[in-house]
Amino acid sequence: MNCRYLICLAVSFIPAGAQTLASLVNETLRNNREILAAQKKYEAARQRPAQASSLPDPTLSIGSASNGPPWPGAGLGANPTSNVGFAVSQQVPYPGKRKLRGEIAQKEADAEFEAYLAVRLNVIERLKQAYHELHHAQVSIESVKRSQDLLRTILQISEARYAVGRASQQDVFKAQTQFSIFEAQLVRYEQELASKEIEINALLDRRPGGHIEVPEEMSAGELKASLPELLSHARTQSPALAREQKLVERTDLSANLARKDYYPDYTVSGGYFNQGSMAPMWQLRVDVQIPAYFWRKQRAAVAEQAFAASDARHSYEAADVEIEARIREEYTVAETARKLADLYKKSVSPEARLALESSLAGYETGALDFLPVFSNFMNVVDYELAHHEQIMQFHVALARLEEMTGMELEP
């Protein structure tokens, strides 16, 4: 059997039924319930500004004043205080209050829109992470199976050497034990694969049990943006940060509205009263709401909004610091994973395979004992799995950077 054939990686290809990440993202955006719920919440918030900036509903009053008998209209035309009529009153907030209330509601709607975008990015980040972890589990299963095939060859050689007294029984037991360890690894990776398929189907709002096909091979690729570019983009485009900024603006407007409550609202009313044969009576009236207890009510409200504004600014600054720290961390993870994946692919794994080929040939001829062969074999296994793990770490870090910055980094 050709040892080089057993050791080399399989040729990369995408199965006919494989689902691209882009198609899964599009399906998620259409069907995911979290995204749809956030969208409806934003659409509901869009209806509030018009309500908040409108005048209160007017009041219509219908009544009568009677003299003598208690029924309506008694004494009408004979007594000047008997009448039947109606009045309309309209409460009018102090100038500027309605506009401020509308602007506050608009800022709240803008914050809900940013929250909706944040939910979209978060769901897509979880989808991409699960997708790449699913891919890693699938590749690891194939890698372990290839390693089992090679281990069978090594085990056959060990058993043949043991049969003629050129190897110890311990060599055979060691190879058999490692074969059982591979079986345990397969069970663990298959559980991981099933778990990620369940997670992806839930994000896609599919029925449970659906199989997700992924490409057999992926590369780490390149970082499309520098760290300063990511940080700059996050400050202007990150939905999480933009939402905090909208809340800061909302509290500033609320503080202005609280200060305007020192000024009175008023109610304008007018009425018409029929007095029978006498001339009709007209009424025009203005009622002013006096902020008589301003030292307990309005002053406290202004202080409350000042504290709320300070709280909103601190929350924005905390979010800014947290996002910057996370971007720096994930950028370091992505950069390191890309370098390690490149190193494993170009030097570490090829050199380990060459060492295994050389030692395996020496073991077959009797020039080497079992221990160097087994050590080189395990190096090949570990380095291949480590290579694919670094590819996964790179793509997961990109997905997290996309969520925090709002920048597309992965096609």
Protein backbone atom coordinates (compact mmCIF):
# COMPACT_ATOMS: atom_id res chain seq x y z
CA MET A 1 0.00 0.00 0.00
CA ASN A 2 1.28 3.49 -0.91
CA CYS A 3 2.02 5.35 2.34
CA ARG A 4 2.01 8.77 0.65
CA TYR A 5 -1.53 8.17 -0.62
CA LEU A 6 -2.73 7.36 2.88
CA ILE A 7 -1.11 10.40 4.48
CA CYS A 8 -2.02 13.18 1.99
CA LEU A 9 -5.22 15.17 2.44
CA ALA A 10 -8.20 14.52 0.20
CA VAL A 11 -8.65 16.76 -2.84
CA SER A 12 -10.92 19.72 -2.07
CA PHE A 13 -14.33 19.89 -3.69
CA ILE A 14 -17.84 21.07 -2.93
CA PRO A 15 -20.47 18.32 -3.00
CA ALA A 16 -23.36 18.82 -5.38
CA GLY A 17 -25.79 19.17 -2.46
CA ALA A 18 -23.63 21.53 -0.40
CA GLN A 19 -25.36 24.70 0.77
CA THR A 20 -23.32 27.86 0.54
CA LEU A 21 -23.09 30.13 3.52
CA ALA A 22 -24.63 32.95 1.48
CA SER A 23 -27.76 30.90 0.71
CA LEU A 24 -28.15 30.01 4.39
CA VAL A 25 -27.73 33.67 5.39
CA ASN A 26 -30.45 34.73 2.92
CA GLU A 27 -32.79 32.02 4.20
CA THR A 28 -32.15 33.09 7.77
CA LEU A 29 -32.91 36.73 7.02
CA ARG A 30 -36.23 35.67 5.50
CA ASN A 31 -37.37 33.13 8.09
CA ASN A 32 -35.66 33.66 11.45
CA ARG A 33 -38.25 34.47 14.13
CA GLU A 34 -35.94 36.65 16.21
CA ILE A 35 -35.28 38.88 13.21
CA LEU A 36 -38.96 39.04 12.28
CA ALA A 37 -39.92 39.90 15.86
CA ALA A 38 -37.30 42.69 16.01
CA GLN A 39 -38.55 44.02 12.68
CA LYS A 40 -42.15 44.18 13.88
CA LYS A 41 -41.05 45.86 17.09
CA TYR A 42 -39.31 48.55 15.05
CA GLU A 43 -42.34 48.96 12.78
CA ALA A 44 -44.51 49.42 15.85
CA ALA A 45 -42.10 52.07 17.20
CA ARG A 46 -42.33 53.97 13.89
CA GLN A 47 -46.00 54.67 14.62
CA ARG A 48 -45.29 56.55 17.85
CA PRO A 49 -43.83 59.91 16.68
CA ALA A 50 -47.05 60.97 14.95
CA GLN A 51 -49.05 60.06 18.05
CA ALA A 52 -46.69 61.81 20.46
CA SER A 53 -46.63 65.08 18.48
CA SER A 54 -50.39 65.27 18.02
CA LEU A 55 -52.74 67.47 20.04
CA PRO A 56 -54.81 65.75 22.74
CA ASP A 57 -58.29 64.78 21.62
CA PRO A 58 -60.82 67.64 22.00
CA THR A 59 -63.73 67.35 24.43
CA LEU A 60 -67.38 67.89 23.44
CA SER A 61 -69.76 68.84 26.25
CA ILE A 62 -73.56 68.80 25.77
CA GLY A 63 -75.90 69.96 28.48
CA SER A 64 -78.69 72.21 29.67
CA ALA A 65 -79.61 74.51 32.55
CA SER A 66 -83.25 74.54 33.72
CA ASN A 67 -85.40 76.61 36.07
CA GLY A 68 -88.43 75.25 37.86
CA PRO A 69 -88.97 71.60 36.77
CA PRO A 70 -85.80 69.47 36.65
CA TRP A 71 -86.11 68.27 33.07
CA PRO A 72 -83.90 69.74 30.31
CA GLY A 73 -85.08 72.99 28.78
CA ALA A 74 -87.49 73.91 31.60
CA GLY A 75 -87.88 77.68 31.68
CA LEU A 76 -86.31 78.03 28.23
CA GLY A 77 -87.18 81.50 26.78
CA ALA A 78 -88.73 82.69 30.06
CA ASN A 79 -85.68 82.67 32.34
CA PRO A 80 -82.30 84.03 31.23
CA THR A 81 -80.46 81.23 33.03
CA SER A 82 -82.32 78.44 31.22
CA ASN A 83 -80.57 77.15 28.11
CA VAL A 84 -79.63 74.11 26.03
CA GLY A 85 -76.26 74.01 24.31
CA PHE A 86 -72.84 72.51 23.80
CA ALA A 87 -69.20 73.43 24.31
CA VAL A 88 -65.95 72.22 22.69
CA SER A 89 -62.65 72.37 24.55
CA GLN A 90 -59.12 71.70 23.32
CA GLN A 91 -56.09 71.22 25.55
CA VAL A 92 -53.00 72.90 24.06
CA PRO A 93 -49.50 72.10 25.37
CA TYR A 94 -47.04 74.93 25.79
CA PRO A 95 -45.35 75.77 22.44
CA GLY A 96 -42.46 73.38 21.69
CA LYS A 97 -43.66 70.48 23.85
CA ARG A 98 -45.41 68.62 21.04
CA LYS A 99 -42.37 68.88 18.81
CA LEU A 100 -40.10 67.60 21.56
CA ARG A 101 -42.41 64.68 22.28
CA GLY A 102 -42.42 63.76 18.61
CA GLU A 103 -38.62 63.99 18.43
CA ILE A 104 -38.26 61.84 21.56
CA ALA A 105 -40.52 59.18 20.03
CA GLN A 106 -38.53 59.37 16.79
CA LYS A 107 -35.26 58.79 18.66
CA GLU A 108 -36.86 55.78 20.36
CA ALA A 109 -37.90 54.47 16.92
CA ASP A 110 -34.37 55.06 15.62
CA ALA A 111 -32.99 53.13 18.60
CA GLU A 112 -35.38 50.26 17.83
CA PHE A 113 -34.15 50.26 14.23
CA GLU A 114 -30.55 49.94 15.41
CA ALA A 115 -31.67 47.17 17.79
CA TYR A 116 -33.28 45.43 14.81
CA LEU A 117 -30.01 45.67 12.85
CA ALA A 118 -28.12 44.37 15.89
CA VAL A 119 -30.44 41.35 16.08
CA ARG A 120 -29.86 40.65 12.39
CA LEU A 121 -26.10 40.77 12.83
CA ASN A 122 -26.23 38.66 15.99
CA VAL A 123 -28.33 35.94 14.35
CA ILE A 124 -26.07 35.88 11.29
CA GLU A 125 -23.00 35.71 13.55
CA ARG A 126 -24.47 32.70 15.35
CA LEU A 127 -25.34 31.08 12.03
CA LYS A 128 -21.82 31.57 10.66
CA GLN A 129 -20.21 30.32 13.86
CA ALA A 130 -22.39 27.21 13.87
CA TYR A 131 -21.72 26.70 10.14
CA HIS A 132 -17.95 26.80 10.57
CA GLU A 133 -18.08 24.65 13.69
CA LEU A 134 -20.22 22.18 11.74
CA HIS A 135 -17.64 22.22 8.96
CA HIS A 136 -14.84 21.64 11.47
CA ALA A 137 -16.70 18.65 12.96
CA GLN A 138 -17.27 17.18 9.50
CA VAL A 139 -13.64 17.68 8.43
CA SER A 140 -12.44 16.25 11.74
CA ILE A 141 -14.56 13.12 11.21
CA GLU A 142 -13.01 12.61 7.77
CA SER A 143 -9.54 13.29 9.16
CA VAL A 144 -9.98 10.75 11.98
CA LYS A 145 -11.25 8.14 9.51
CA ARG A 146 -8.18 8.69 7.32
CA SER A 147 -6.02 8.39 10.40
CA GLN A 148 -7.75 5.10 11.25
CA ASP A 149 -6.97 3.79 7.77
CA LEU A 150 -3.32 4.64 8.18
CA LEU A 151 -3.28 3.21 11.70
CA ARG A 152 -4.64 -0.07 10.33
CA THR A 153 -1.65 -0.23 8.02
CA ILE A 154 0.73 0.46 10.90
CA LEU A 155 -1.11 -2.14 13.01
CA GLN A 156 -0.79 -4.73 10.22
CA ILE A 157 2.95 -4.09 10.02
CA SER A 158 3.26 -4.34 13.81
CA GLU A 159 1.33 -7.61 13.92
CA ALA A 160 3.48 -9.04 11.12
CA ARG A 161 6.68 -8.02 12.91
CA TYR A 162 5.33 -9.40 16.20
CA ALA A 163 4.52 -12.73 14.52
CA VAL A 164 8.17 -13.19 13.55
CA GLY A 165 9.48 -11.90 16.87
CA ARG A 166 10.75 -8.55 15.58
CA ALA A 167 8.29 -6.39 17.59
CA SER A 168 6.87 -6.45 21.09
CA GLN A 169 3.27 -7.14 21.97
CA GLN A 170 3.17 -3.68 23.55
CA ASP A 171 3.47 -2.11 20.08
CA VAL A 172 0.35 -3.94 18.96
CA PHE A 173 -1.56 -2.98 22.10
CA LYS A 174 -0.52 0.66 21.72
CA ALA A 175 -1.81 0.79 18.16
CA GLN A 176 -5.07 -0.94 19.15
CA THR A 177 -5.56 1.48 22.04
CA GLN A 178 -5.10 4.46 19.74
CA PHE A 179 -7.64 2.95 17.35
CA SER A 180 -10.17 2.87 20.21
CA ILE A 181 -9.31 6.49 21.07
CA PHE A 182 -10.10 7.42 17.47
CA GLU A 183 -13.49 5.72 17.83
CA ALA A 184 -14.19 7.87 20.90
CA GLN A 185 -13.16 10.99 18.98
CA LEU A 186 -15.53 10.07 16.17
CA VAL A 187 -18.42 9.80 18.63
CA ARG A 188 -17.57 13.24 20.03
CA TYR A 189 -17.28 14.87 16.59
CA GLU A 190 -20.51 13.23 15.40
CA GLN A 191 -22.29 14.61 18.46
CA GLU A 192 -20.85 18.07 17.69
CA LEU A 193 -21.98 17.77 14.07
CA ALA A 194 -25.54 16.81 15.09
CA SER A 195 -25.65 19.63 17.65
CA LYS A 196 -24.61 22.24 15.08
CA GLU A 197 -27.12 20.96 12.53
CA ILE A 198 -29.86 21.33 15.15
CA GLU A 199 -28.70 24.90 15.91
CA ILE A 200 -28.59 25.88 12.23
CA ASN A 201 -32.03 24.39 11.52
CA ALA A 202 -33.44 26.35 14.47
CA LEU A 203 -31.92 29.60 13.16
CA LEU A 204 -33.34 28.86 9.71
CA ASP A 205 -36.74 28.04 11.24
CA ARG A 206 -36.63 24.62 9.58
CA ARG A 207 -38.12 21.44 10.90
CA PRO A 208 -35.72 19.55 13.20
CA GLY A 209 -33.68 16.72 11.72
CA GLY A 210 -32.66 18.38 8.46
CA HIS A 211 -29.16 17.64 7.17
CA ILE A 212 -26.84 20.55 6.35
CA GLU A 213 -24.27 19.93 3.62
CA VAL A 214 -21.08 22.00 3.77
CA PRO A 215 -17.99 22.10 1.52
CA GLU A 216 -15.33 19.55 2.41
CA GLU A 217 -12.50 22.06 2.43
CA MET A 218 -12.10 25.74 3.35
CA SER A 219 -9.12 28.03 3.55
CA ALA A 220 -8.42 30.76 6.06
CA GLY A 221 -8.30 33.54 3.46
CA GLU A 222 -7.15 37.05 4.20
CA LEU A 223 -8.26 39.85 6.51
CA LYS A 224 -9.93 42.42 4.27
CA ALA A 225 -9.62 45.32 6.72
CA SER A 226 -6.99 46.62 9.09
CA LEU A 227 -7.63 47.09 12.80
CA PRO A 228 -7.88 50.94 12.53
CA GLU A 229 -10.42 50.53 9.70
CA LEU A 230 -12.52 48.15 11.78
CA LEU A 231 -12.45 50.46 14.80
CA SER A 232 -13.35 53.49 12.68
CA HIS A 233 -16.19 51.63 10.95
CA ALA A 234 -17.57 50.39 14.27
CA ARG A 235 -17.83 53.93 15.65
CA THR A 236 -20.06 55.00 12.77
CA GLN A 237 -21.79 51.79 11.66
CA SER A 238 -22.04 49.45 14.65
CA PRO A 239 -25.78 49.06 15.43
CA ALA A 240 -25.09 48.38 19.10
CA LEU A 241 -23.13 51.63 19.42
CA ALA A 242 -25.58 53.57 17.25
CA ARG A 243 -28.45 52.46 19.48
CA GLU A 244 -26.67 53.81 22.55
CA GLN A 245 -26.07 57.10 20.73
CA LYS A 246 -29.79 57.39 19.88
CA LEU A 247 -30.64 56.84 23.54
CA VAL A 248 -28.22 59.63 24.51
CA GLU A 249 -29.98 61.96 22.07
CA ARG A 250 -33.35 60.85 23.43
CA THR A 251 -32.42 61.69 27.02
CA ASP A 252 -31.15 65.13 25.95
CA LEU A 253 -34.53 65.83 24.36
CA SER A 254 -36.32 64.49 27.44
CA ALA A 255 -34.32 66.89 29.60
CA ASN A 256 -35.43 69.80 27.39
CA LEU A 257 -39.04 68.63 27.68
CA ALA A 258 -38.77 68.43 31.47
CA ARG A 259 -37.54 72.04 31.57
CA LYS A 260 -40.50 73.14 29.41
CA ASP A 261 -42.86 71.67 32.00
CA TYR A 262 -42.13 74.77 34.07
CA TYR A 263 -44.34 76.56 31.54
CA PRO A 264 -48.11 76.05 31.73
CA ASP A 265 -50.33 74.15 29.34
CA TYR A 266 -53.76 75.67 28.66
CA THR A 267 -57.19 74.64 27.48
CA VAL A 268 -59.26 76.71 25.03
CA SER A 269 -63.00 76.15 24.98
CA GLY A 270 -66.00 77.69 23.23
CA GLY A 271 -69.72 77.02 23.47
CA TYR A 272 -73.17 77.86 22.10
CA PHE A 273 -76.30 77.88 24.28
CA ASN A 274 -79.85 78.26 22.96
CA GLN A 275 -82.21 80.28 25.19
CA GLY A 276 -85.42 79.89 23.24
CA SER A 277 -87.02 83.25 22.37
CA MET A 278 -84.12 85.08 23.98
CA ALA A 279 -80.86 85.85 22.21
CA PRO A 280 -78.44 82.86 22.19
CA MET A 281 -75.54 82.84 24.58
CA TRP A 282 -71.91 82.30 23.46
CA GLN A 283 -69.02 81.26 25.61
CA LEU A 284 -65.25 81.59 25.09
CA ARG A 285 -62.86 80.54 27.79
CA VAL A 286 -59.17 79.82 28.44
CA ASP A 287 -58.05 77.61 31.37
CA VAL A 288 -54.39 77.77 32.33
CA GLN A 289 -52.71 74.90 34.16
CA ILE A 290 -50.42 76.55 36.71
CA PRO A 291 -47.26 74.62 37.75
CA ALA A 292 -47.85 75.67 41.34
CA TYR A 293 -45.81 72.85 42.90
CA PHE A 294 -42.75 73.18 40.66
CA TRP A 295 -40.30 72.76 43.57
CA ARG A 296 -41.63 69.23 44.12
CA LYS A 297 -42.67 68.14 40.64
CA GLN A 298 -40.95 69.97 37.77
CA ARG A 299 -37.66 70.48 39.58
CA ALA A 300 -37.48 66.78 40.44
CA ALA A 301 -38.37 65.85 36.86
CA VAL A 302 -35.53 68.02 35.49
CA ALA A 303 -33.10 66.43 37.96
CA GLU A 304 -34.32 62.96 36.99
CA GLN A 305 -33.71 63.60 33.29
CA ALA A 306 -30.27 65.05 34.02
CA PHE A 307 -29.31 61.83 35.79
CA ALA A 308 -30.84 59.79 32.95
CA ALA A 309 -28.81 61.75 30.41
CA SER A 310 -25.64 61.13 32.38
CA ASP A 311 -26.51 57.45 32.63
CA ALA A 312 -27.06 57.24 28.85
CA ARG A 313 -23.70 58.88 28.13
CA HIS A 314 -21.89 56.52 30.49
CA SER A 315 -23.66 53.56 28.85
CA TYR A 316 -22.56 54.79 25.43
CA GLU A 317 -18.96 55.21 26.57
CA ALA A 318 -18.99 51.76 28.23
CA ALA A 319 -20.35 50.19 25.03
CA ASP A 320 -17.68 52.00 23.01
CA VAL A 321 -14.90 50.71 25.26
CA GLU A 322 -16.31 47.17 25.30
CA ILE A 323 -16.74 47.00 21.52
CA GLU A 324 -13.25 48.36 20.91
CA ALA A 325 -11.75 45.79 23.30
CA ARG A 326 -13.70 42.94 21.69
CA ILE A 327 -12.72 44.08 18.19
CA ARG A 328 -9.06 44.15 19.17
CA GLU A 329 -9.36 40.71 20.76
CA GLU A 330 -11.15 39.09 17.82
CA TYR A 331 -8.81 40.77 15.33
CA THR A 332 -5.87 39.25 17.19
CA VAL A 333 -7.59 35.84 17.16
CA ALA A 334 -8.26 36.09 13.42
CA GLU A 335 -4.76 37.28 12.59
CA THR A 336 -3.13 34.58 14.73
CA ALA A 337 -5.40 31.83 13.37
CA ARG A 338 -4.62 32.86 9.79
CA LYS A 339 -0.86 32.77 10.43
CA LEU A 340 -1.07 29.42 12.21
CA ALA A 341 -3.25 27.88 9.49
CA ASP A 342 -0.75 29.05 6.88
CA LEU A 343 2.14 27.70 8.94
CA TYR A 344 0.49 24.30 9.42
CA LYS A 345 -0.38 24.05 5.73
CA LYS A 346 2.95 25.11 4.24
CA SER A 347 5.54 23.73 6.65
CA VAL A 348 4.42 21.91 9.80
CA SER A 349 2.06 19.34 8.26
CA PRO A 350 4.16 18.60 5.13
CA GLU A 351 7.28 18.15 7.24
CA ALA A 352 5.40 15.89 9.68
CA ARG A 353 4.11 13.76 6.78
CA LEU A 354 7.61 13.43 5.35
CA ALA A 355 8.92 12.37 8.76
CA LEU A 356 6.14 9.76 9.04
CA GLU A 357 6.80 8.40 5.55
CA SER A 358 10.50 8.08 6.32
CA SER A 359 9.99 6.41 9.70
CA LEU A 360 7.26 4.10 8.34
CA ALA A 361 9.59 2.91 5.58
CA GLY A 362 12.32 2.33 8.16
CA TYR A 363 9.87 0.44 10.40
CA GLU A 364 8.85 -1.86 7.54
CA THR A 365 12.51 -2.74 6.87
CA GLY A 366 13.34 -3.10 10.55
CA ALA A 367 15.66 -0.08 10.71
CA LEU A 368 13.44 1.68 13.29
CA ASP A 369 11.35 0.50 16.20
CA PHE A 370 7.66 1.32 16.78
CA LEU A 371 7.96 4.39 19.02
CA PRO A 372 9.34 6.88 16.42
CA VAL A 373 6.73 5.70 13.91
CA PHE A 374 3.86 6.11 16.38
CA SER A 375 5.15 9.51 17.52
CA ASN A 376 5.39 10.78 13.93
CA PHE A 377 1.95 9.34 13.16
CA MET A 378 0.36 11.19 16.08
CA ASN A 379 2.11 14.40 15.00
CA VAL A 380 0.48 14.13 11.57
CA VAL A 381 -2.93 13.50 13.14
CA ASP A 382 -2.65 16.37 15.64
CA TYR A 383 -1.29 18.87 13.11
CA GLU A 384 -4.01 18.12 10.57
CA LEU A 385 -6.75 18.63 13.17
CA ALA A 386 -5.00 21.75 14.48
CA HIS A 387 -4.82 23.15 10.94
CA HIS A 388 -8.58 22.83 10.43
CA GLU A 389 -9.27 24.16 13.91
CA GLN A 390 -7.32 27.34 13.10
CA ILE A 391 -9.34 27.75 9.89
CA MET A 392 -12.51 27.49 11.98
CA GLN A 393 -11.18 29.99 14.54
CA PHE A 394 -10.36 32.45 11.73
CA HIS A 395 -13.86 32.35 10.24
CA VAL A 396 -15.59 32.50 13.63
CA ALA A 397 -13.50 35.56 14.54
CA LEU A 398 -14.50 37.19 11.23
CA ALA A 399 -18.18 36.54 11.98
CA ARG A 400 -17.84 38.18 15.39
CA LEU A 401 -16.02 41.16 13.89
CA GLU A 402 -18.83 41.56 11.36
CA GLU A 403 -21.40 41.61 14.16
CA MET A 404 -19.51 44.30 16.10
CA THR A 405 -18.50 46.53 13.19
CA GLY A 406 -21.33 46.08 10.68
CA MET A 407 -18.65 45.56 8.00
CA GLU A 408 -18.79 42.61 5.62
CA LEU A 409 -15.50 40.71 5.95
CA GLU A 410 -16.44 37.31 4.57
CA PRO A 411 -18.05 36.75 1.17
